[in-house]
PDB file of N, CA and C in Angstrom:
ATOM      1  N   MET A   1      98.769 114.661  93.362  1.00  0.00           N
ATOM      2  CA  MET A   1      98.048 113.449  93.058  1.00  0.00           C
ATOM      3  C   MET A   1      97.584 112.804  94.377  1.00  0.00           C
ATOM      4  N   ALA A   2      96.326 112.399  94.407  1.00  0.00           N
ATOM      5  CA  ALA A   2      95.756 111.858  95.618  1.00  0.00           C
ATOM      6  C   ALA A   2      96.146 110.398  95.826  1.00  0.00           C
ATOM      7  N   LYS A   3      96.314 110.008  97.085  1.00  0.00           N
ATOM      8  CA  LYS A   3      96.565 108.611  97.429  1.00  0.00           C
ATOM      9  C   LYS A   3      95.229 107.887  97.448  1.00  0.00           C
ATOM     10  N   LEU A   4      95.195 106.680  96.905  1.00  0.00           N
ATOM     11  CA  LEU A   4      93.949 105.928  96.850  1.00  0.00           C
ATOM     12  C   LEU A   4      94.003 104.746  97.793  1.00  0.00           C
ATOM     13  N   HIS A   5      92.872 104.333  98.308  1.00  0.00           N
ATOM     14  CA  HIS A   5      92.804 103.192  99.219  1.00  0.00           C
ATOM     15  C   HIS A   5      92.637 101.879  98.474  1.00  0.00           C
ATOM     16  N   ILE A   6      92.547 101.946  97.156  1.00  0.00           N
ATOM     17  CA  ILE A   6      92.331 100.723  96.359  1.00  0.00           C
ATOM     18  C   ILE A   6      93.533 100.533  95.461  1.00  0.00           C
ATOM     19  N   ARG A   7      93.992  99.292  95.367  1.00  0.00           N
ATOM     20  CA  ARG A   7      95.134  98.929  94.495  1.00  0.00           C
ATOM     21  C   ARG A   7      94.750  97.806  93.538  1.00  0.00           C
ATOM     22  N   LYS A   8      95.624  97.562  92.561  1.00  0.00           N
ATOM     23  CA  LYS A   8      95.432  96.484  91.633  1.00  0.00           C
ATOM     24  C   LYS A   8      95.383  95.164  92.374  1.00  0.00           C
ATOM     25  N   ASN A   9      94.546  94.231  91.932  1.00  0.00           N
ATOM     26  CA  ASN A   9      94.348  92.880  92.485  1.00  0.00           C
ATOM     27  C   ASN A   9      93.567  92.873  93.815  1.00  0.00           C
ATOM     28  N   ASP A  10      93.080  94.038  94.294  1.00  0.00           N
ATOM     29  CA  ASP A  10      92.213  94.058  95.474  1.00  0.00           C
ATOM     30  C   ASP A  10      90.848  93.500  95.082  1.00  0.00           C
ATOM     31  N   THR A  11      90.144  92.930  96.058  1.00  0.00           N
ATOM     32  CA  THR A  11      88.748  92.559  95.871  1.00  0.00           C
ATOM     33  C   THR A  11      87.887  93.666  96.408  1.00  0.00           C
ATOM     34  N   VAL A  12      87.009  94.204  95.560  1.00  0.00           N
ATOM     35  CA  VAL A  12      86.182  95.323  95.946  1.00  0.00           C
ATOM     36  C   VAL A  12      84.716  95.058  95.725  1.00  0.00           C
ATOM     37  N   MET A  13      83.863  95.814  96.429  1.00  0.00           N
ATOM     38  CA  MET A  13      82.408  95.722  96.244  1.00  0.00           C
ATOM     39  C   MET A  13      81.921  97.075  95.737  1.00  0.00           C
ATOM     40  N   VAL A  14      80.959  97.052  94.809  1.00  0.00           N
ATOM     41  CA  VAL A  14      80.400  98.265  94.266  1.00  0.00           C
ATOM     42  C   VAL A  14      79.293  98.755  95.219  1.00  0.00           C
ATOM     43  N   LEU A  15      79.391 100.040  95.621  1.00  0.00           N
ATOM     44  CA  LEU A  15      78.450 100.592  96.573  1.00  0.00           C
ATOM     45  C   LEU A  15      77.302 101.355  95.914  1.00  0.00           C
ATOM     46  N   ALA A  16      77.460 101.794  94.688  1.00  0.00           N
ATOM     47  CA  ALA A  16      76.428 102.584  94.022  1.00  0.00           C
ATOM     48  C   ALA A  16      76.407 102.306  92.535  1.00  0.00           C
ATOM     49  N   GLY A  17      75.269 102.624  91.908  1.00  0.00           N
ATOM     50  CA  GLY A  17      75.137 102.433  90.455  1.00  0.00           C
ATOM     51  C   GLY A  17      74.350 101.180  90.141  1.00  0.00           C
ATOM     52  N   GLU A  18      74.279 100.857  88.841  1.00  0.00           N
ATOM     53  CA  GLU A  18      73.491  99.714  88.398  1.00  0.00           C
ATOM     54  C   GLU A  18      74.083  98.386  88.791  1.00  0.00           C
ATOM     55  N   ASP A  19      75.408  98.347  89.109  1.00  0.00           N
ATOM     56  CA  ASP A  19      76.071  97.128  89.505  1.00  0.00           C
ATOM     57  C   ASP A  19      76.222  97.044  91.038  1.00  0.00           C
ATOM     58  N   LYS A  20      75.430  97.801  91.793  1.00  0.00           N
ATOM     59  CA  LYS A  20      75.522  97.850  93.236  1.00  0.00           C
ATOM     60  C   LYS A  20      75.434  96.442  93.834  1.00  0.00           C
ATOM     61  N   GLY A  21      76.382  96.140  94.756  1.00  0.00           N
ATOM     62  CA  GLY A  21      76.370  94.853  95.441  1.00  0.00           C
ATOM     63  C   GLY A  21      77.298  93.835  94.797  1.00  0.00           C
ATOM     64  N   LYS A  22      77.735  94.086  93.577  1.00  0.00           N
ATOM     65  CA  LYS A  22      78.656  93.128  92.871  1.00  0.00           C
ATOM     66  C   LYS A  22      80.047  93.268  93.444  1.00  0.00           C
ATOM     67  N   THR A  23      80.765  92.137  93.449  1.00  0.00           N
ATOM     68  CA  THR A  23      82.165  92.149  93.860  1.00  0.00           C
ATOM     69  C   THR A  23      83.021  91.716  92.676  1.00  0.00           C
ATOM     70  N   GLY A  24      84.260  92.162  92.674  1.00  0.00           N
ATOM     71  CA  GLY A  24      85.182  91.784  91.621  1.00  0.00           C
ATOM     72  C   GLY A  24      86.591  92.188  91.960  1.00  0.00           C
ATOM     73  N   LYS A  25      87.545  91.705  91.122  1.00  0.00           N
ATOM     74  CA  LYS A  25      88.946  92.035  91.333  1.00  0.00           C
ATOM     75  C   LYS A  25      89.316  93.249  90.507  1.00  0.00           C
ATOM     76  N   VAL A  26      90.139  94.156  91.085  1.00  0.00           N
ATOM     77  CA  VAL A  26      90.516  95.337  90.398  1.00  0.00           C
ATOM     78  C   VAL A  26      91.617  94.950  89.365  1.00  0.00           C
ATOM     79  N   LEU A  27      91.346  95.268  88.084  1.00  0.00           N
ATOM     80  CA  LEU A  27      92.270  94.967  87.029  1.00  0.00           C
ATOM     81  C   LEU A  27      93.285  96.092  86.803  1.00  0.00           C
ATOM     82  N   LYS A  28      92.801  97.331  86.975  1.00  0.00           N
ATOM     83  CA  LYS A  28      93.659  98.480  86.729  1.00  0.00           C
ATOM     84  C   LYS A  28      93.131  99.682  87.522  1.00  0.00           C
ATOM     85  N   VAL A  29      94.048 100.515  88.038  1.00  0.00           N
ATOM     86  CA  VAL A  29      93.658 101.727  88.740  1.00  0.00           C
ATOM     87  C   VAL A  29      94.137 102.939  87.906  1.00  0.00           C
ATOM     88  N   LEU A  30      93.232 103.820  87.608  1.00  0.00           N
ATOM     89  CA  LEU A  30      93.541 105.042  86.868  1.00  0.00           C
ATOM     90  C   LEU A  30      93.602 106.157  87.919  1.00  0.00           C
ATOM     91  N   VAL A  31      94.817 106.457  88.387  1.00  0.00           N
ATOM     92  CA  VAL A  31      95.012 107.364  89.529  1.00  0.00           C
ATOM     93  C   VAL A  31      94.594 108.786  89.209  1.00  0.00           C
ATOM     94  N   LYS A  32      94.965 109.306  88.040  1.00  0.00           N
ATOM     95  CA  LYS A  32      94.638 110.708  87.713  1.00  0.00           C
ATOM     96  C   LYS A  32      93.133 110.926  87.635  1.00  0.00           C
ATOM     97  N   GLU A  33      92.399 109.971  87.098  1.00  0.00           N
ATOM     98  CA  GLU A  33      90.968 110.099  86.979  1.00  0.00           C
ATOM     99  C   GLU A  33      90.206 109.630  88.216  1.00  0.00           C
ATOM    100  N   GLN A  34      90.931 109.050  89.167  1.00  0.00           N
ATOM    101  CA  GLN A  34      90.388 108.447  90.392  1.00  0.00           C
ATOM    102  C   GLN A  34      89.320 107.400  90.081  1.00  0.00           C
ATOM    103  N   ARG A  35      89.663 106.545  89.136  1.00  0.00           N
ATOM    104  CA  ARG A  35      88.761 105.483  88.708  1.00  0.00           C
ATOM    105  C   ARG A  35      89.494 104.141  88.713  1.00  0.00           C
ATOM    106  N   ALA A  36      88.719 103.096  88.691  1.00  0.00           N
ATOM    107  CA  ALA A  36      89.304 101.727  88.643  1.00  0.00           C
ATOM    108  C   ALA A  36      88.487 100.871  87.681  1.00  0.00           C
ATOM    109  N   ILE A  37      89.149  99.930  87.029  1.00  0.00           N
ATOM    110  CA  ILE A  37      88.484  98.962  86.179  1.00  0.00           C
ATOM    111  C   ILE A  37      88.353  97.668  86.971  1.00  0.00           C
ATOM    112  N   VAL A  38      87.123  97.215  87.183  1.00  0.00           N
ATOM    113  CA  VAL A  38      86.869  96.055  87.999  1.00  0.00           C
ATOM    114  C   VAL A  38      86.293  94.946  87.148  1.00  0.00           C
ATOM    115  N   GLU A  39      86.814  93.730  87.366  1.00  0.00           N
ATOM    116  CA  GLU A  39      86.435  92.551  86.566  1.00  0.00           C
ATOM    117  C   GLU A  39      84.919  92.297  86.714  1.00  0.00           C
ATOM    118  N   GLY A  40      84.202  92.266  85.582  1.00  0.00           N
ATOM    119  CA  GLY A  40      82.792  91.907  85.566  1.00  0.00           C
ATOM    120  C   GLY A  40      81.861  93.016  86.024  1.00  0.00           C
ATOM    121  N   VAL A  41      82.344  94.259  86.205  1.00  0.00           N
ATOM    122  CA  VAL A  41      81.511  95.357  86.664  1.00  0.00           C
ATOM    123  C   VAL A  41      81.480  96.443  85.629  1.00  0.00           C
ATOM    124  N   LYS A  42      80.358  97.071  85.454  1.00  0.00           N
ATOM    125  CA  LYS A  42      80.133  98.179  84.502  1.00  0.00           C
ATOM    126  C   LYS A  42      80.550  97.767  83.096  1.00  0.00           C
ATOM    127  N   ILE A  43      79.911  96.695  82.596  1.00  0.00           N
ATOM    128  CA  ILE A  43      80.163  96.165  81.250  1.00  0.00           C
ATOM    129  C   ILE A  43      79.492  97.061  80.225  1.00  0.00           C
ATOM    130  N   VAL A  44      80.267  97.510  79.241  1.00  0.00           N
ATOM    131  CA  VAL A  44      79.711  98.321  78.137  1.00  0.00           C
ATOM    132  C   VAL A  44      79.981  97.635  76.816  1.00  0.00           C
ATOM    133  N   THR A  45      79.174  97.930  75.804  1.00  0.00           N
ATOM    134  CA  THR A  45      79.345  97.345  74.477  1.00  0.00           C
ATOM    135  C   THR A  45      80.065  98.361  73.617  1.00  0.00           C
ATOM    136  N   LYS A  46      81.200  97.953  73.045  1.00  0.00           N
ATOM    137  CA  LYS A  46      81.987  98.843  72.168  1.00  0.00           C
ATOM    138  C   LYS A  46      81.994  98.187  70.783  1.00  0.00           C
ATOM    139  N   SER A  47      81.948  99.053  69.768  1.00  0.00           N
ATOM    140  CA  SER A  47      82.046  98.534  68.414  1.00  0.00           C
ATOM    141  C   SER A  47      83.513  98.487  68.017  1.00  0.00           C
ATOM    142  N   ALA A  48      83.913  97.415  67.353  1.00  0.00           N
ATOM    143  CA  ALA A  48      85.311  97.263  66.963  1.00  0.00           C
ATOM    144  C   ALA A  48      85.408  97.141  65.448  1.00  0.00           C
ATOM    145  N   LYS A  49      86.352  97.858  64.888  1.00  0.00           N
ATOM    146  CA  LYS A  49      86.644  97.783  63.443  1.00  0.00           C
ATOM    147  C   LYS A  49      87.315  96.444  63.147  1.00  0.00           C
ATOM    148  N   PRO A  50      87.159  95.915  61.959  1.00  0.00           N
ATOM    149  CA  PRO A  50      87.856  94.677  61.604  1.00  0.00           C
ATOM    150  C   PRO A  50      89.396  94.900  61.676  1.00  0.00           C
ATOM    151  N   SER A  51      90.112  93.955  62.261  1.00  0.00           N
ATOM    152  CA  SER A  51      91.573  94.043  62.389  1.00  0.00           C
ATOM    153  C   SER A  51      92.137  92.640  62.169  1.00  0.00           C
ATOM    154  N   ALA A  52      93.460  92.535  62.230  1.00  0.00           N
ATOM    155  CA  ALA A  52      94.099  91.224  62.066  1.00  0.00           C
ATOM    156  C   ALA A  52      93.674  90.281  63.205  1.00  0.00           C
ATOM    157  N   LYS A  53      93.544  90.826  64.411  1.00  0.00           N
ATOM    158  CA  LYS A  53      93.169  90.043  65.559  1.00  0.00           C
ATOM    159  C   LYS A  53      91.677  89.610  65.472  1.00  0.00           C
ATOM    160  N   ASN A  54      90.854  90.552  65.020  1.00  0.00           N
ATOM    161  CA  ASN A  54      89.426  90.293  64.915  1.00  0.00           C
ATOM    162  C   ASN A  54      88.967  90.667  63.484  1.00  0.00           C
ATOM    163  N   PRO A  55      89.118  89.715  62.527  1.00  0.00           N
ATOM    164  CA  PRO A  55      88.827  90.062  61.108  1.00  0.00           C
ATOM    165  C   PRO A  55      87.337  90.391  60.854  1.00  0.00           C
ATOM    166  N   GLN A  56      86.462  89.891  61.713  1.00  0.00           N
ATOM    167  CA  GLN A  56      85.036  90.102  61.527  1.00  0.00           C
ATOM    168  C   GLN A  56      84.623  91.504  61.976  1.00  0.00           C
ATOM    169  N   GLY A  57      85.300  92.059  63.000  1.00  0.00           N
ATOM    170  CA  GLY A  57      84.876  93.308  63.610  1.00  0.00           C
ATOM    171  C   GLY A  57      83.676  93.050  64.503  1.00  0.00           C
ATOM    172  N   GLY A  58      82.750  93.997  64.576  1.00  0.00           N
ATOM    173  CA  GLY A  58      81.508  93.786  65.352  1.00  0.00           C
ATOM    174  C   GLY A  58      81.572  94.446  66.716  1.00  0.00           C
ATOM    175  N   PHE A  59      80.779  93.883  67.651  1.00  0.00           N
ATOM    176  CA  PHE A  59      80.664  94.434  68.986  1.00  0.00           C
ATOM    177  C   PHE A  59      81.384  93.581  70.020  1.00  0.00           C
ATOM    178  N   GLU A  60      82.004  94.220  71.005  1.00  0.00           N
ATOM    179  CA  GLU A  60      82.615  93.477  72.091  1.00  0.00           C
ATOM    180  C   GLU A  60      82.237  94.102  73.405  1.00  0.00           C
ATOM    181  N   LYS A  61      82.093  93.268  74.426  1.00  0.00           N
ATOM    182  CA  LYS A  61      81.748  93.737  75.762  1.00  0.00           C
ATOM    183  C   LYS A  61      83.046  93.964  76.561  1.00  0.00           C
ATOM    184  N   VAL A  62      83.151  95.157  77.146  1.00  0.00           N
ATOM    185  CA  VAL A  62      84.371  95.548  77.863  1.00  0.00           C
ATOM    186  C   VAL A  62      84.012  96.198  79.192  1.00  0.00           C
ATOM    187  N   GLU A  63      84.864  96.059  80.213  1.00  0.00           N
ATOM    188  CA  GLU A  63      84.659  96.737  81.476  1.00  0.00           C
ATOM    189  C   GLU A  63      85.026  98.204  81.343  1.00  0.00           C
ATOM    190  N   ALA A  64      84.178  99.083  81.811  1.00  0.00           N
ATOM    191  CA  ALA A  64      84.427 100.519  81.790  1.00  0.00           C
ATOM    192  C   ALA A  64      84.936 100.929  83.200  1.00  0.00           C
ATOM    193  N   PRO A  65      85.696 102.030  83.293  1.00  0.00           N
ATOM    194  CA  PRO A  65      86.171 102.483  84.611  1.00  0.00           C
ATOM    195  C   PRO A  65      85.004 102.936  85.482  1.00  0.00           C
ATOM    196  N   ILE A  66      85.132 102.709  86.769  1.00  0.00           N
ATOM    197  CA  ILE A  66      84.114 103.139  87.760  1.00  0.00           C
ATOM    198  C   ILE A  66      84.839 103.976  88.803  1.00  0.00           C
ATOM    199  N   HIS A  67      84.168 105.032  89.282  1.00  0.00           N
ATOM    200  CA  HIS A  67      84.809 105.964  90.232  1.00  0.00           C
ATOM    201  C   HIS A  67      85.118 105.247  91.565  1.00  0.00           C
ATOM    202  N   ILE A  68      86.290 105.618  92.110  1.00  0.00           N
ATOM    203  CA  ILE A  68      86.778 105.003  93.350  1.00  0.00           C
ATOM    204  C   ILE A  68      85.795 105.203  94.511  1.00  0.00           C
ATOM    205  N   SER A  69      85.060 106.352  94.532  1.00  0.00           N
ATOM    206  CA  SER A  69      84.148 106.587  95.644  1.00  0.00           C
ATOM    207  C   SER A  69      82.988 105.611  95.676  1.00  0.00           C
ATOM    208  N   ASN A  70      82.725 104.933  94.556  1.00  0.00           N
ATOM    209  CA  ASN A  70      81.650 103.939  94.493  1.00  0.00           C
ATOM    210  C   ASN A  70      82.129 102.527  94.785  1.00  0.00           C
ATOM    211  N   LEU A  71      83.404 102.397  95.212  1.00  0.00           N
ATOM    212  CA  LEU A  71      83.975 101.078  95.521  1.00  0.00           C
ATOM    213  C   LEU A  71      84.396 101.055  96.963  1.00  0.00           C
ATOM    214  N   SER A  72      84.304  99.843  97.550  1.00  0.00           N
ATOM    215  CA  SER A  72      84.790  99.623  98.910  1.00  0.00           C
ATOM    216  C   SER A  72      85.549  98.319  98.978  1.00  0.00           C
ATOM    217  N   LEU A  73      86.661  98.304  99.668  1.00  0.00           N
ATOM    218  CA  LEU A  73      87.424  97.087  99.828  1.00  0.00           C
ATOM    219  C   LEU A  73      86.613  96.045 100.580  1.00  0.00           C
ATOM    220  N   VAL A  74      86.798  94.768 100.227  1.00  0.00           N
ATOM    221  CA  VAL A  74      86.093  93.698 100.912  1.00  0.00           C
ATOM    222  C   VAL A  74      86.979  93.164 102.043  1.00  0.00           C
ATOM    223  N   ASP A  75      86.398  93.020 103.194  1.00  0.00           N
ATOM    224  CA  ASP A  75      87.106  92.498 104.364  1.00  0.00           C
ATOM    225  C   ASP A  75      87.518  91.051 104.106  1.00  0.00           C
ATOM    226  N   PRO A  76      88.804  90.725 104.271  1.00  0.00           N
ATOM    227  CA  PRO A  76      89.247  89.355 103.977  1.00  0.00           C
ATOM    228  C   PRO A  76      88.635  88.320 104.902  1.00  0.00           C
ATOM    229  N   LYS A  77      88.182  88.713 106.093  1.00  0.00           N
ATOM    230  CA  LYS A  77      87.631  87.756 107.067  1.00  0.00           C
ATOM    231  C   LYS A  77      86.136  87.530 106.840  1.00  0.00           C
ATOM    232  N   SER A  78      85.372  88.618 106.756  1.00  0.00           N
ATOM    233  CA  SER A  78      83.926  88.489 106.702  1.00  0.00           C
ATOM    234  C   SER A  78      83.329  88.530 105.263  1.00  0.00           C
ATOM    235  N   GLY A  79      84.107  89.074 104.298  1.00  0.00           N
ATOM    236  CA  GLY A  79      83.597  89.191 102.949  1.00  0.00           C
ATOM    237  C   GLY A  79      82.636  90.367 102.767  1.00  0.00           C
ATOM    238  N   LYS A  80      82.581  91.270 103.764  1.00  0.00           N
ATOM    239  CA  LYS A  80      81.704  92.451 103.678  1.00  0.00           C
ATOM    240  C   LYS A  80      82.531  93.671 103.367  1.00  0.00           C
ATOM    241  N   PRO A  81      81.937  94.745 102.849  1.00  0.00           N
ATOM    242  CA  PRO A  81      82.725  95.940 102.558  1.00  0.00           C
ATOM    243  C   PRO A  81      83.201  96.596 103.861  1.00  0.00           C
ATOM    244  N   THR A  82      84.396  97.161 103.798  1.00  0.00           N
ATOM    245  CA  THR A  82      84.981  97.768 105.007  1.00  0.00           C
ATOM    246  C   THR A  82      85.772  99.016 104.644  1.00  0.00           C
ATOM    247  N   ARG A  83      85.979  99.863 105.636  1.00  0.00           N
ATOM    248  CA  ARG A  83      86.868 100.991 105.453  1.00  0.00           C
ATOM    249  C   ARG A  83      88.293 100.526 105.756  1.00  0.00           C
ATOM    250  N   VAL A  84      89.251 101.374 105.469  1.00  0.00           N
ATOM    251  CA  VAL A  84      90.633 100.957 105.594  1.00  0.00           C
ATOM    252  C   VAL A  84      91.386 101.937 106.485  1.00  0.00           C
ATOM    253  N   SER A  85      92.170 101.395 107.414  1.00  0.00           N
ATOM    254  CA  SER A  85      93.116 102.253 108.163  1.00  0.00           C
ATOM    255  C   SER A  85      94.504 101.911 107.722  1.00  0.00           C
ATOM    256  N   ILE A  86      95.395 102.887 107.795  1.00  0.00           N
ATOM    257  CA  ILE A  86      96.768 102.691 107.309  1.00  0.00           C
ATOM    258  C   ILE A  86      97.722 102.768 108.510  1.00  0.00           C
ATOM    259  N   LYS A  87      98.612 101.805 108.580  1.00  0.00           N
ATOM    260  CA  LYS A  87      99.581 101.719 109.663  1.00  0.00           C
ATOM    261  C   LYS A  87     100.988 101.729 109.022  1.00  0.00           C
ATOM    262  N   HIS A  88     101.884 102.473 109.586  1.00  0.00           N
ATOM    263  CA  HIS A  88     103.279 102.548 109.066  1.00  0.00           C
ATOM    264  C   HIS A  88     104.182 101.771 109.966  1.00  0.00           C
ATOM    265  N   GLU A  89     104.885 100.815 109.370  1.00  0.00           N
ATOM    266  CA  GLU A  89     105.912 100.036 110.067  1.00  0.00           C
ATOM    267  C   GLU A  89     107.228 100.280 109.365  1.00  0.00           C
ATOM    268  N   GLY A  90     108.003 101.240 109.867  1.00  0.00           N
ATOM    269  CA  GLY A  90     109.228 101.601 109.180  1.00  0.00           C
ATOM    270  C   GLY A  90     108.877 102.246 107.853  1.00  0.00           C
ATOM    271  N   LYS A  91     109.370 101.693 106.746  1.00  0.00           N
ATOM    272  CA  LYS A  91     109.035 102.220 105.430  1.00  0.00           C
ATOM    273  C   LYS A  91     107.831 101.532 104.832  1.00  0.00           C
ATOM    274  N   ASN A  92     107.391 100.422 105.460  1.00  0.00           N
ATOM    275  CA  ASN A  92     106.274  99.669 104.910  1.00  0.00           C
ATOM    276  C   ASN A  92     104.956 100.299 105.342  1.00  0.00           C
ATOM    277  N   VAL A  93     103.996 100.261 104.416  1.00  0.00           N
ATOM    278  CA  VAL A  93     102.634 100.758 104.661  1.00  0.00           C
ATOM    279  C   VAL A  93     101.723  99.540 104.723  1.00  0.00           C
ATOM    280  N   ILE A  94     101.020  99.369 105.823  1.00  0.00           N
ATOM    281  CA  ILE A  94     100.137  98.228 105.994  1.00  0.00           C
ATOM    282  C   ILE A  94      98.698  98.735 106.023  1.00  0.00           C
ATOM    283  N   ARG A  95      97.848  98.127 105.212  1.00  0.00           N
ATOM    284  CA  ARG A  95      96.415  98.486 105.219  1.00  0.00           C
ATOM    285  C   ARG A  95      95.682  97.470 106.076  1.00  0.00           C
ATOM    286  N   ILE A  96      94.832  98.015 106.955  1.00  0.00           N
ATOM    287  CA  ILE A  96      94.098  97.173 107.920  1.00  0.00           C
ATOM    288  C   ILE A  96      92.597  97.411 107.735  1.00  0.00           C
ATOM    289  N   ALA A  97      91.817  96.329 107.672  1.00  0.00           N
ATOM    290  CA  ALA A  97      90.348  96.438 107.570  1.00  0.00           C
ATOM    291  C   ALA A  97      89.787  96.919 108.908  1.00  0.00           C
ATOM    292  N   LYS A  98      88.935  97.956 108.857  1.00  0.00           N
ATOM    293  CA  LYS A  98      88.356  98.517 110.098  1.00  0.00           C
ATOM    294  C   LYS A  98      87.399  97.506 110.769  1.00  0.00           C
ATOM    295  N   LYS A  99      86.687  96.712 109.982  1.00  0.00           N
ATOM    296  CA  LYS A  99      85.692  95.829 110.570  1.00  0.00           C
ATOM    297  C   LYS A  99      86.302  94.701 111.395  1.00  0.00           C
ATOM    298  N   SER A 100      87.332  94.028 110.861  1.00  0.00           N
ATOM    299  CA  SER A 100      87.893  92.868 111.572  1.00  0.00           C
ATOM    300  C   SER A 100      89.264  93.123 112.152  1.00  0.00           C
ATOM    301  N   GLY A 101      89.921  94.194 111.709  1.00  0.00           N
ATOM    302  CA  GLY A 101      91.298  94.452 112.190  1.00  0.00           C
ATOM    303  C   GLY A 101      92.335  93.613 111.468  1.00  0.00           C
ATOM    304  N   GLU A 102      91.912  92.890 110.409  1.00  0.00           N
ATOM    305  CA  GLU A 102      92.793  92.009 109.671  1.00  0.00           C
ATOM    306  C   GLU A 102      93.571  92.803 108.619  1.00  0.00           C
ATOM    307  N   GLU A 103      94.796  92.360 108.336  1.00  0.00           N
ATOM    308  CA  GLU A 103      95.636  93.016 107.346  1.00  0.00           C
ATOM    309  C   GLU A 103      95.118  92.676 105.943  1.00  0.00           C
ATOM    310  N   ILE A 104      95.121  93.728 105.062  1.00  0.00           N
ATOM    311  CA  ILE A 104      94.706  93.519 103.675  1.00  0.00           C
ATOM    312  C   ILE A 104      95.985  93.385 102.850  1.00  0.00           C
ATOM    313  N   LYS A 105      96.089  92.256 102.166  1.00  0.00           N
ATOM    314  CA  LYS A 105      97.302  91.998 101.378  1.00  0.00           C
ATOM    315  C   LYS A 105      97.066  92.314  99.948  1.00  0.00           C
TER     316      LYS A 105
END
């Protein structure tokens, strides 16, 4: 299984596709598929059957997974997309933004 540079609750920017340039928070990371679900990005319309929660049924807009290669972490200092370097301090792994050298929390 590959290690990914993106984690849940990270702020990311979309680099390619119809949502290019949008930023959002990562809601979920699908490691095996190397995809992430990002808030407000790649919205698709799904049809829903009537249920107890939604007795009317109908259509609902949902975020679809987007490939990790099309996402880049946002630098906490400048707000621009950046690459990530990894630093090991004992057992802790610290991610550092390449652009500003700032730690990504």
